[in-house]
C-alpha atoms as a PDB file:
ATOM      1  CA  MET A   1     -18.206 205.313 -39.256  1.00  0.00           C
ATOM      2  CA  SER A   2     -17.110 208.847 -38.616  1.00  0.00           C
ATOM      3  CA  PRO A   3     -15.052 209.708 -35.524  1.00  0.00           C
ATOM      4  CA  GLU A   4     -18.041 211.633 -34.144  1.00  0.00           C
ATOM      5  CA  ALA A   5     -20.318 208.616 -34.582  1.00  0.00           C
ATOM      6  CA  ILE A   6     -17.765 206.342 -32.910  1.00  0.00           C
ATOM      7  CA  ARG A   7     -17.460 208.739 -29.945  1.00  0.00           C
ATOM      8  CA  LYS A   8     -21.241 208.848 -29.535  1.00  0.00           C
ATOM      9  CA  PHE A   9     -21.446 205.073 -29.685  1.00  0.00           C
ATOM     10  CA  TRP A  10     -18.794 204.514 -27.006  1.00  0.00           C
ATOM     11  CA  SER A  11     -20.339 207.224 -24.826  1.00  0.00           C
ATOM     12  CA  LEU A  12     -23.575 205.251 -24.944  1.00  0.00           C
ATOM     13  CA  ILE A  13     -21.701 202.107 -23.887  1.00  0.00           C
ATOM     14  CA  GLU A  14     -20.211 203.979 -20.913  1.00  0.00           C
ATOM     15  CA  GLU A  15     -23.640 205.317 -19.886  1.00  0.00           C
ATOM     16  CA  THR A  16     -25.483 201.999 -20.263  1.00  0.00           C
ATOM     17  CA  GLN A  17     -26.140 199.968 -17.135  1.00  0.00           C
ATOM     18  CA  THR A  18     -23.787 197.033 -16.823  1.00  0.00           C
ATOM     19  CA  ASN A  19     -26.588 194.504 -16.370  1.00  0.00           C
ATOM     20  CA  ILE A  20     -28.048 195.447 -19.773  1.00  0.00           C
ATOM     21  CA  LEU A  21     -24.698 194.924 -21.480  1.00  0.00           C
ATOM     22  CA  LEU A  22     -24.177 191.562 -19.797  1.00  0.00           C
ATOM     23  CA  THR A  23     -27.627 189.976 -19.691  1.00  0.00           C
ATOM     24  CA  LEU A  24     -29.022 190.586 -23.172  1.00  0.00           C
ATOM     25  CA  ASP A  25     -28.115 188.034 -25.816  1.00  0.00           C
ATOM     26  CA  ASN A  26     -26.136 189.245 -28.819  1.00  0.00           C
ATOM     27  CA  ASP A  27     -29.085 189.997 -31.105  1.00  0.00           C
ATOM     28  CA  ALA A  28     -31.052 191.712 -28.345  1.00  0.00           C
ATOM     29  CA  LEU A  29     -28.058 193.827 -27.360  1.00  0.00           C
ATOM     30  CA  VAL A  30     -27.410 194.931 -30.952  1.00  0.00           C
ATOM     31  CA  ASN A  31     -31.094 195.853 -31.315  1.00  0.00           C
ATOM     32  CA  TRP A  32     -31.210 197.647 -27.955  1.00  0.00           C
ATOM     33  CA  LEU A  33     -28.105 199.725 -28.725  1.00  0.00           C
ATOM     34  CA  SER A  34     -29.420 200.558 -32.202  1.00  0.00           C
ATOM     35  CA  ARG A  35     -32.728 201.743 -30.724  1.00  0.00           C
ATOM     36  CA  GLN A  36     -30.946 203.938 -28.187  1.00  0.00           C
ATOM     37  CA  LEU A  37     -28.842 205.536 -30.905  1.00  0.00           C
ATOM     38  CA  ARG A  38     -31.862 206.096 -33.153  1.00  0.00           C
ATOM     39  CA  ARG A  39     -33.452 208.132 -30.352  1.00  0.00           C
ATOM     40  CA  GLU A  40     -30.458 210.464 -30.501  1.00  0.00           C
ATOM     41  CA  GLU A  41     -30.827 210.916 -34.263  1.00  0.00           C
ATOM     42  CA  PHE A  42     -27.517 209.116 -34.526  1.00  0.00           C
ATOM     43  CA  LEU A  43     -28.619 207.277 -37.646  1.00  0.00           C
ATOM     44  CA  LYS A  44     -28.641 210.458 -39.683  1.00  0.00           C
ATOM     45  CA  MET A  45     -24.862 210.000 -39.572  1.00  0.00           C
ATOM     46  CA  VAL A  46     -24.689 206.209 -39.956  1.00  0.00           C
ATOM     47  CA  ASP A  47     -26.491 203.593 -42.050  1.00  0.00           C
ATOM     48  CA  THR A  48     -28.412 201.079 -39.905  1.00  0.00           C
ATOM     49  CA  SER A  49     -26.713 198.037 -41.409  1.00  0.00           C
ATOM     50  CA  ASP A  50     -23.264 199.623 -40.938  1.00  0.00           C
ATOM     51  CA  LEU A  51     -24.138 200.414 -37.331  1.00  0.00           C
ATOM     52  CA  ASN A  52     -25.356 196.882 -36.628  1.00  0.00           C
ATOM     53  CA  ALA A  53     -22.207 195.427 -38.187  1.00  0.00           C
ATOM     54  CA  TYR A  54     -20.037 197.763 -36.083  1.00  0.00           C
ATOM     55  CA  ILE A  55     -21.853 196.775 -32.886  1.00  0.00           C
ATOM     56  CA  SER A  56     -21.782 193.049 -33.691  1.00  0.00           C
ATOM     57  CA  ALA A  57     -18.050 193.109 -34.366  1.00  0.00           C
ATOM     58  CA  ARG A  58     -17.425 194.773 -31.009  1.00  0.00           C
ATOM     59  CA  LEU A  59     -19.721 192.722 -28.762  1.00  0.00           C
ATOM     60  CA  PRO A  60     -16.826 190.839 -27.124  1.00  0.00           C
ATOM     61  CA  LEU A  61     -15.125 194.161 -26.284  1.00  0.00           C
ATOM     62  CA  ILE A  62     -18.397 195.671 -25.031  1.00  0.00           C
ATOM     63  CA  ARG A  63     -18.989 192.687 -22.760  1.00  0.00           C
ATOM     64  CA  ASP A  64     -15.366 192.710 -21.527  1.00  0.00           C
ATOM     65  CA  LEU A  65     -15.679 196.376 -20.605  1.00  0.00           C
ATOM     66  CA  ALA A  66     -18.949 195.697 -18.801  1.00  0.00           C
ATOM     67  CA  GLN A  67     -17.364 192.790 -16.890  1.00  0.00           C
ATOM     68  CA  GLU A  68     -14.464 195.028 -15.831  1.00  0.00           C
ATOM     69  CA  ARG A  69     -16.889 197.719 -14.728  1.00  0.00           C
ATOM     70  CA  LEU A  70     -18.856 195.163 -12.707  1.00  0.00           C
ATOM     71  CA  ALA A  71     -15.689 193.814 -11.082  1.00  0.00           C
ATOM     72  CA  TYR A  72     -14.557 197.340 -10.238  1.00  0.00           C
ATOM     73  CA  GLN A  73     -17.949 198.196  -8.731  1.00  0.00           C
ATOM     74  CA  SER A  74     -17.913 195.005  -6.644  1.00  0.00           C
ATOM     75  CA  HIS A  75     -14.351 195.653  -5.485  1.00  0.00           C
ATOM     76  CA  SER A  76     -15.012 199.323  -4.700  1.00  0.00           C
ATOM     77  CA  SER A  77     -18.141 198.679  -2.657  1.00  0.00           C
ATOM     78  CA  GLY A  78     -16.678 195.746  -0.720  1.00  0.00           C
END
């Protein structure tokens, strides 16, 4: 994927509610993220199968980031 596509993808991860990133199962999360990116005409830059493979390979990192965000939010508000 191009650097621009990667930046857009990780921006989406940052903007996505933590509960979505943590509660959806792997397949549902890949599909949900793909749908969000399609709405932004992201897939003109990236093939769908390449995008799904990229997301799938990074699910552990995505979930770790969401867990950290959740822990930070809990710590900050408490």
